N, C-alpha and C. Protein backbone atom coordinates (compact mmCIF):
# COMPACT_ATOMS: atom_id res chain seq x y z
N UNK A 1 -128.60 48.25 21.01
CA UNK A 1 -129.08 48.61 22.34
C UNK A 1 -128.36 49.55 22.12
N UNK A 2 -129.32 50.74 22.62
CA UNK A 2 -129.28 51.89 23.00
C UNK A 2 -129.18 52.29 24.47
N UNK A 3 -128.15 53.27 24.71
CA UNK A 3 -128.09 53.51 26.22
C UNK A 3 -129.32 54.18 26.51
N UNK A 4 -129.66 55.11 25.83
CA UNK A 4 -131.07 55.79 26.13
C UNK A 4 -132.16 54.98 26.32
N UNK A 5 -132.42 53.73 25.77
CA UNK A 5 -133.37 52.78 26.36
C UNK A 5 -132.85 52.36 27.58
N UNK A 6 -132.13 52.11 27.97
CA UNK A 6 -131.46 51.35 29.35
C UNK A 6 -131.91 52.41 30.14
N UNK A 7 -131.87 53.74 30.07
CA UNK A 7 -131.68 54.83 30.78
C UNK A 7 -133.41 55.06 31.22
N UNK A 8 -134.00 55.05 29.99
CA UNK A 8 -135.62 54.72 30.06
C UNK A 8 -135.95 53.85 30.99
N UNK A 9 -135.60 52.73 30.74
CA UNK A 9 -135.99 51.28 31.47
C UNK A 9 -135.79 51.70 32.82
N UNK A 10 -134.41 52.06 33.17
CA UNK A 10 -133.85 51.88 34.75
C UNK A 10 -134.86 53.25 35.41
N UNK A 11 -134.69 54.11 34.84
CA UNK A 11 -135.79 55.22 35.31
C UNK A 11 -137.18 54.73 35.86
N UNK A 12 -137.95 53.99 34.79
CA UNK A 12 -139.17 53.38 35.25
C UNK A 12 -139.00 52.57 36.63
N UNK A 13 -137.82 51.57 36.30
CA UNK A 13 -137.92 50.48 37.34
C UNK A 13 -137.61 51.36 38.80
N UNK A 14 -136.71 52.73 38.77
CA UNK A 14 -136.76 53.01 39.84
C UNK A 14 -137.77 54.03 40.23
N UNK A 15 -138.67 54.45 39.60
CA UNK A 15 -139.93 55.13 39.94
C UNK A 15 -140.77 53.99 40.65
N UNK A 16 -140.83 53.14 39.92
CA UNK A 16 -141.80 51.85 40.45
C UNK A 16 -141.33 51.52 41.96
N UNK A 17 -140.15 51.42 42.18
CA UNK A 17 -139.32 50.94 43.42
C UNK A 17 -139.75 52.24 44.44
N UNK A 18 -139.39 53.59 44.01
CA UNK A 18 -139.42 54.30 44.79
C UNK A 18 -141.09 54.72 45.51
N UNK A 19 -142.06 54.47 43.99
CA UNK A 19 -143.44 54.60 44.61
C UNK A 19 -143.89 53.36 45.23
N UNK A 20 -143.45 52.18 45.15
CA UNK A 20 -144.35 51.22 45.51
C UNK A 20 -143.44 49.99 46.78
N UNK A 21 -142.03 50.50 46.50
CA UNK A 21 -141.40 49.58 47.49
C UNK A 21 -141.24 50.31 48.81
N UNK A 22 -142.23 49.92 49.75
CA UNK A 22 -142.09 50.34 51.14
C UNK A 22 -142.13 49.10 52.25
N UNK A 23 -142.18 48.99 53.45
CA UNK A 23 -142.11 47.89 54.43
C UNK A 23 -143.19 47.26 53.81
N UNK A 24 -144.41 47.91 53.44
CA UNK A 24 -145.39 47.04 53.68
C UNK A 24 -145.94 46.41 52.14
N UNK A 25 -144.93 46.77 51.32
CA UNK A 25 -145.07 46.29 49.75
C UNK A 25 -144.74 44.59 49.71
N UNK A 26 -145.71 44.04 49.19
CA UNK A 26 -145.34 42.69 49.15
C UNK A 26 -144.19 42.48 47.91
N UNK A 27 -143.43 41.22 48.65
CA UNK A 27 -142.14 41.19 47.51
C UNK A 27 -142.66 40.55 46.22
N UNK A 28 -143.87 39.66 46.07
CA UNK A 28 -144.37 39.64 44.79
C UNK A 28 -144.47 40.80 43.84
N UNK A 29 -145.05 42.06 44.17
CA UNK A 29 -145.19 42.95 43.32
C UNK A 29 -144.16 43.39 42.78
N UNK A 30 -142.84 43.33 43.52
CA UNK A 30 -141.79 43.60 43.08
C UNK A 30 -141.60 42.80 41.65
N UNK A 31 -141.52 41.24 42.30
CA UNK A 31 -141.08 40.24 41.54
C UNK A 31 -142.01 40.27 40.21
N UNK A 32 -143.10 40.71 40.12
CA UNK A 32 -144.11 40.65 38.77
C UNK A 32 -143.54 41.89 38.24
N UNK A 33 -143.18 42.88 38.45
CA UNK A 33 -142.58 43.92 37.69
C UNK A 33 -141.10 43.54 36.82
N UNK A 34 -140.56 42.60 37.36
CA UNK A 34 -139.46 42.49 37.22
C UNK A 34 -139.78 41.26 36.22
N UNK A 35 -140.08 40.33 36.30
CA UNK A 35 -140.89 39.19 35.92
C UNK A 35 -141.02 39.65 34.12
N UNK A 36 -141.71 41.04 34.03
CA UNK A 36 -142.34 41.34 32.96
C UNK A 36 -141.28 42.12 32.20
N UNK A 37 -139.59 42.50 32.79
CA UNK A 37 -138.96 42.90 31.87
C UNK A 37 -138.35 41.82 30.71
N UNK A 38 -138.04 42.41 29.85
CA UNK A 38 -137.51 41.37 28.60
C UNK A 38 -136.06 40.80 29.25
N UNK A 39 -135.60 39.46 28.56
CA UNK A 39 -134.23 39.55 28.98
C UNK A 39 -133.10 40.42 29.02
N UNK A 40 -133.00 41.16 27.56
CA UNK A 40 -132.21 42.66 27.55
C UNK A 40 -132.42 43.47 28.14
N UNK A 41 -133.82 43.97 28.95
CA UNK A 41 -134.13 44.91 29.80
C UNK A 41 -133.21 44.26 31.37
N UNK A 42 -133.56 42.93 31.25
CA UNK A 42 -132.97 42.25 32.56
C UNK A 42 -131.41 42.58 32.61
N UNK A 43 -130.91 42.21 31.83
CA UNK A 43 -129.76 42.47 31.65
C UNK A 43 -129.03 43.87 31.82
N UNK A 44 -129.86 44.70 31.24
CA UNK A 44 -129.13 46.25 31.42
C UNK A 44 -129.82 46.70 32.63
N UNK A 45 -130.42 46.22 33.61
CA UNK A 45 -130.88 46.71 34.98
C UNK A 45 -130.09 46.04 35.79
N UNK A 46 -129.44 44.62 35.44
CA UNK A 46 -128.38 44.01 36.26
C UNK A 46 -127.05 44.99 36.17
N UNK A 47 -126.64 45.08 34.92
CA UNK A 47 -125.46 45.86 34.52
C UNK A 47 -125.42 47.34 35.04
N UNK A 48 -126.58 47.89 35.52
CA UNK A 48 -126.51 48.99 35.96
C UNK A 48 -126.57 49.52 37.44
N UNK A 49 -127.23 47.92 37.91
CA UNK A 49 -127.05 47.85 39.44
C UNK A 49 -125.50 47.54 39.74
N UNK A 50 -125.33 46.88 39.17
CA UNK A 50 -123.73 46.37 39.36
C UNK A 50 -122.63 47.51 39.40
N UNK A 51 -122.82 48.55 38.18
CA UNK A 51 -122.36 49.69 38.10
C UNK A 51 -122.42 50.56 39.21
N UNK A 52 -123.57 50.84 39.81
CA UNK A 52 -124.09 51.52 40.65
C UNK A 52 -123.76 51.10 42.19
N UNK A 53 -123.88 49.79 42.40
CA UNK A 53 -123.11 49.52 43.72
C UNK A 53 -121.92 49.70 43.97
N UNK A 54 -120.64 49.85 42.94
CA UNK A 54 -119.77 50.08 43.20
C UNK A 54 -118.54 49.19 43.64
N UNK A 55 -119.06 48.14 44.05
CA UNK A 55 -117.81 47.22 45.00
C UNK A 55 -117.22 46.32 43.73
N UNK A 56 -117.62 46.49 42.50
CA UNK A 56 -116.82 45.63 41.37
C UNK A 56 -115.73 46.24 40.48
N UNK A 57 -115.63 47.74 41.06
CA UNK A 57 -114.46 48.37 40.49
C UNK A 57 -114.56 48.65 38.97
N UNK A 58 -116.07 48.64 38.56
CA UNK A 58 -116.11 48.54 37.22
C UNK A 58 -116.62 50.11 37.02
N UNK A 59 -116.25 50.98 35.63
CA UNK A 59 -116.36 51.96 35.62
C UNK A 59 -117.45 52.37 34.17
N UNK A 60 -118.06 53.27 33.93
CA UNK A 60 -119.21 53.57 33.16
C UNK A 60 -118.80 53.35 31.63
N UNK A 61 -117.56 53.15 31.46
CA UNK A 61 -116.96 52.78 30.08
C UNK A 61 -117.24 51.08 30.00
N UNK A 62 -117.56 50.48 30.93
CA UNK A 62 -117.68 49.26 31.14
C UNK A 62 -119.07 48.76 31.00
N UNK A 63 -120.13 49.68 31.09
CA UNK A 63 -121.47 49.41 31.04
C UNK A 63 -122.12 48.54 30.04
N UNK A 64 -121.51 48.56 28.65
CA UNK A 64 -121.74 47.54 27.45
C UNK A 64 -121.32 46.24 28.08
N UNK A 65 -120.05 46.20 28.50
CA UNK A 65 -119.57 44.44 28.79
C UNK A 65 -120.38 44.15 30.06
N UNK A 66 -120.64 44.98 31.02
CA UNK A 66 -121.55 44.57 32.31
C UNK A 66 -123.02 44.21 31.30
N UNK A 67 -123.56 44.52 30.70
CA UNK A 67 -124.98 44.13 29.97
C UNK A 67 -124.52 42.57 29.30
N UNK A 68 -123.48 42.48 28.73
CA UNK A 68 -123.05 41.43 27.92
C UNK A 68 -123.00 40.11 29.24
N UNK A 69 -122.37 40.32 30.00
CA UNK A 69 -121.75 39.51 31.21
C UNK A 69 -123.35 39.05 32.09
N UNK A 70 -124.23 40.01 31.97
CA UNK A 70 -125.40 39.87 33.11
C UNK A 70 -126.50 39.14 31.69
N UNK A 71 -126.28 38.62 30.64
CA UNK A 71 -127.04 37.95 29.70
C UNK A 71 -127.21 36.72 30.58
N UNK A 72 -128.51 36.27 30.51
CA UNK A 72 -128.65 34.97 31.32
C UNK A 72 -128.82 34.77 32.75
N UNK A 73 -128.21 35.70 33.30
CA UNK A 73 -128.72 35.88 34.88
C UNK A 73 -130.06 36.11 34.84
N UNK A 74 -130.58 35.24 36.12
CA UNK A 74 -132.23 35.02 36.72
C UNK A 74 -132.55 36.51 37.61
N UNK A 75 -133.48 36.90 36.79
CA UNK A 75 -134.27 38.01 37.35
C UNK A 75 -134.41 38.25 38.65
N UNK A 76 -134.47 37.03 39.52
CA UNK A 76 -134.48 36.97 40.93
C UNK A 76 -133.43 37.70 41.36
N UNK A 77 -132.27 37.97 41.01
CA UNK A 77 -130.92 38.49 41.26
C UNK A 77 -131.57 39.87 41.69
N UNK A 78 -132.18 40.67 41.04
CA UNK A 78 -132.63 41.65 41.16
C UNK A 78 -133.43 42.19 42.49
N UNK A 79 -134.40 40.91 42.45
CA UNK A 79 -135.62 41.32 43.62
C UNK A 79 -134.63 41.17 44.83
N UNK A 80 -133.77 40.34 45.14
CA UNK A 80 -132.95 40.12 46.04
C UNK A 80 -132.15 41.39 46.82
N UNK A 81 -132.02 42.04 46.07
CA UNK A 81 -131.28 43.36 46.38
C UNK A 81 -132.33 44.37 47.19
N UNK A 82 -131.73 44.49 48.40
CA UNK A 82 -132.68 45.29 49.16
C UNK A 82 -132.38 46.99 48.85
N UNK A 83 -131.30 47.43 48.51
CA UNK A 83 -131.00 48.61 48.09
C UNK A 83 -130.94 48.79 46.42
N UNK A 84 -131.83 48.05 46.07
CA UNK A 84 -131.97 48.11 44.32
C UNK A 84 -132.10 49.64 43.88
N UNK A 85 -132.78 50.13 44.01
CA UNK A 85 -133.51 51.65 43.97
C UNK A 85 -132.05 52.60 43.83
N UNK A 86 -131.41 52.43 45.03
CA UNK A 86 -130.02 53.23 45.29
C UNK A 86 -129.28 52.66 44.62
N UNK A 87 -128.71 51.56 44.05
CA UNK A 87 -127.75 51.15 43.31
C UNK A 87 -128.03 51.68 41.80
N UNK A 88 -129.48 51.56 41.23
CA UNK A 88 -129.69 52.08 40.05
C UNK A 88 -129.79 52.93 39.64
N UNK A 89 -130.35 54.30 40.78
CA UNK A 89 -130.17 55.44 40.86
C UNK A 89 -128.39 55.74 40.80
N UNK A 90 -127.62 55.36 41.40
CA UNK A 90 -126.12 55.76 41.28
C UNK A 90 -125.63 55.14 39.87
N UNK A 91 -126.00 54.24 39.55
CA UNK A 91 -125.48 53.52 38.19
C UNK A 91 -126.01 54.74 37.11
N UNK A 92 -127.08 55.33 37.10
CA UNK A 92 -127.31 56.24 36.22
C UNK A 92 -126.43 57.79 36.35
N UNK A 93 -126.14 57.93 37.88
CA UNK A 93 -125.30 59.26 37.99
C UNK A 93 -124.03 58.90 37.29
N UNK A 94 -123.47 57.40 37.54
CA UNK A 94 -122.24 57.22 37.15
C UNK A 94 -122.18 57.52 35.01
N UNK A 95 -123.53 57.02 34.83
CA UNK A 95 -123.15 57.39 33.27
C UNK A 95 -123.79 58.52 32.99
N UNK A 96 -123.75 59.50 33.95
CA UNK A 96 -124.73 61.04 33.51
C UNK A 96 -125.87 60.72 32.99
N UNK A 97 -126.82 59.89 33.31
CA UNK A 97 -127.90 59.83 32.69
C UNK A 97 -128.96 60.14 33.71
N UNK A 98 -129.04 60.87 34.72
CA UNK A 98 -129.87 60.91 35.99
C UNK A 98 -130.68 61.99 35.64
C-alpha cells in the first residue's frame, strides 16, 4: 500500500462529500460511493477518519497500524459519521498530505 494512493482516494472521497453531501443529499448516494470502495480503500479511509477524529490518541506514525486494524470493518461505519469530510480532511492534514 502506498500512502500516496491513500491520499488520492481520501481526497476523492472528501471531494465527493463536499460536492454532494448537503442536507438534501440522500444517504444512499454516499452509501453507494462508499460501497464501491475496495476493502483496502475502505480500511485506508477508516484509518484516515480515526486519525483525523483525534480522540484515539493515535499519531500520524500509527497510520499503517490503523489501516491494519480497520481491515474487515464494515463500510457502513464510514456512512454513519456525520463529520466524515471534516475527519478525513483533518487526517490528511496530520499526514501532511493536504
